[in-house]
C-alpha atoms as a PDB file:
ATOM      1  CA  MET A   1    -106.297  -9.376-124.040  1.00  0.00           C
ATOM      2  CA  ALA A   2    -107.278 -11.812-120.549  1.00  0.00           C
ATOM      3  CA  SER A   3    -108.935  -9.198-118.842  1.00  0.00           C
ATOM      4  CA  LYS A   4    -111.478  -9.178-122.243  1.00  0.00           C
ATOM      5  CA  TYR A   5    -111.926 -13.180-121.487  1.00  0.00           C
ATOM      6  CA  ILE A   6    -112.411 -13.070-118.009  1.00  0.00           C
ATOM      7  CA  GLY A   7    -115.053 -10.775-118.262  1.00  0.00           C
ATOM      8  CA  ILE A   8    -116.485 -12.854-120.760  1.00  0.00           C
ATOM      9  CA  LEU A   9    -116.167 -15.568-118.618  1.00  0.00           C
ATOM     10  CA  PHE A  10    -117.442 -13.180-115.612  1.00  0.00           C
ATOM     11  CA  LEU A  11    -120.907 -12.537-118.160  1.00  0.00           C
ATOM     12  CA  VAL A  12    -121.090 -16.492-119.793  1.00  0.00           C
ATOM     13  CA  VAL A  13    -121.380 -17.456-115.968  1.00  0.00           C
ATOM     14  CA  GLY A  14    -123.143 -14.885-114.012  1.00  0.00           C
ATOM     15  CA  VAL A  15    -126.558 -14.989-117.152  1.00  0.00           C
ATOM     16  CA  ALA A  16    -125.633 -18.781-115.481  1.00  0.00           C
ATOM     17  CA  LEU A  17    -125.729 -18.421-112.174  1.00  0.00           C
ATOM     18  CA  ALA A  18    -129.141 -15.987-112.788  1.00  0.00           C
ATOM     19  CA  LEU A  19    -131.240 -18.383-115.228  1.00  0.00           C
ATOM     20  CA  TRP A  20    -130.462 -21.246-112.379  1.00  0.00           C
ATOM     21  CA  GLY A  21    -131.469 -18.912-109.565  1.00  0.00           C
ATOM     22  CA  TYR A  22    -134.684 -17.696-111.054  1.00  0.00           C
ATOM     23  CA  ASN A  23    -135.513 -21.542-112.596  1.00  0.00           C
ATOM     24  CA  ILE A  24    -135.155 -22.015-108.779  1.00  0.00           C
ATOM     25  CA  TYR A  25    -137.169 -19.001-107.752  1.00  0.00           C
ATOM     26  CA  ASP A  26    -140.393 -20.267-110.293  1.00  0.00           C
ATOM     27  CA  ALA A  27    -140.357 -24.511-109.441  1.00  0.00           C
ATOM     28  CA  ALA A  28    -143.684 -25.875-108.471  1.00  0.00           C
ATOM     29  CA  THR A  29    -142.479 -26.563-105.501  1.00  0.00           C
ATOM     30  CA  SER A  30    -140.579 -23.091-104.690  1.00  0.00           C
ATOM     31  CA  GLN A  31    -144.463 -22.305-105.009  1.00  0.00           C
ATOM     32  CA  ILE A  32    -145.960 -23.798-103.235  1.00  0.00           C
ATOM     33  CA  SER A  33    -143.227 -23.239-100.141  1.00  0.00           C
ATOM     34  CA  ARG A  34    -143.425 -19.729-101.107  1.00  0.00           C
ATOM     35  CA  ALA A  35    -147.761 -20.158-100.608  1.00  0.00           C
ATOM     36  CA  PHE A  36    -147.687 -21.763 -97.040  1.00  0.00           C
ATOM     37  CA  SER A  37    -144.890 -20.199 -95.454  1.00  0.00           C
ATOM     38  CA  GLY A  38    -144.196 -17.599 -97.992  1.00  0.00           C
ATOM     39  CA  ASP A  39    -140.645 -17.916 -97.786  1.00  0.00           C
ATOM     40  CA  THR A  40    -138.176 -18.179-101.339  1.00  0.00           C
ATOM     41  CA  PRO A  41    -135.799 -20.080-101.444  1.00  0.00           C
ATOM     42  CA  PHE A  42    -132.086 -19.877-100.167  1.00  0.00           C
ATOM     43  CA  GLU A  43    -130.458 -21.374-103.356  1.00  0.00           C
ATOM     44  CA  ALA A  44    -132.683 -18.710-106.236  1.00  0.00           C
ATOM     45  CA  TRP A  45    -131.022 -15.887-104.056  1.00  0.00           C
ATOM     46  CA  ALA A  46    -128.138 -17.041-103.922  1.00  0.00           C
ATOM     47  CA  GLY A  47    -128.243 -17.620-108.125  1.00  0.00           C
ATOM     48  CA  MET A  48    -130.139 -14.818-108.541  1.00  0.00           C
ATOM     49  CA  VAL A  49    -127.788 -11.783-106.668  1.00  0.00           C
ATOM     50  CA  GLY A  50    -124.367 -14.160-107.431  1.00  0.00           C
ATOM     51  CA  GLY A  51    -125.918 -14.351-110.928  1.00  0.00           C
ATOM     52  CA  GLY A  52    -126.008 -10.187-110.851  1.00  0.00           C
ATOM     53  CA  VAL A  53    -122.659  -9.634-109.833  1.00  0.00           C
ATOM     54  CA  CYS A  54    -120.765 -12.098-112.165  1.00  0.00           C
ATOM     55  CA  ILE A  55    -122.501  -9.856-114.870  1.00  0.00           C
ATOM     56  CA  LEU A  56    -121.401  -6.146-113.317  1.00  0.00           C
ATOM     57  CA  LEU A  57    -117.709  -7.310-112.812  1.00  0.00           C
ATOM     58  CA  GLY A  58    -118.116  -9.235-116.873  1.00  0.00           C
ATOM     59  CA  ILE A  59    -118.906  -6.003-117.253  1.00  0.00           C
ATOM     60  CA  PHE A  60    -116.799  -3.963-116.159  1.00  0.00           C
ATOM     61  CA  LYS A  61    -113.649  -6.296-116.977  1.00  0.00           C
ATOM     62  CA  LEU A  62    -114.660  -5.836-120.110  1.00  0.00           C
ATOM     63  CA  LYS A  63    -114.606  -1.797-120.346  1.00  0.00           C
END
């Protein structure tokens, strides 16, 4: 039973991280930075990749 709670927690945290990373990626300052330098902020990648990993862990914990 505790494994299901941990899985749900991973899913919630993963979705929140992925949304946070996307918000940073889509921010106006990031768009301007990408237009001039082509670099994506590290926080955006960390949020989206970390969120994806947490979502996958949550799915595997729920099975």
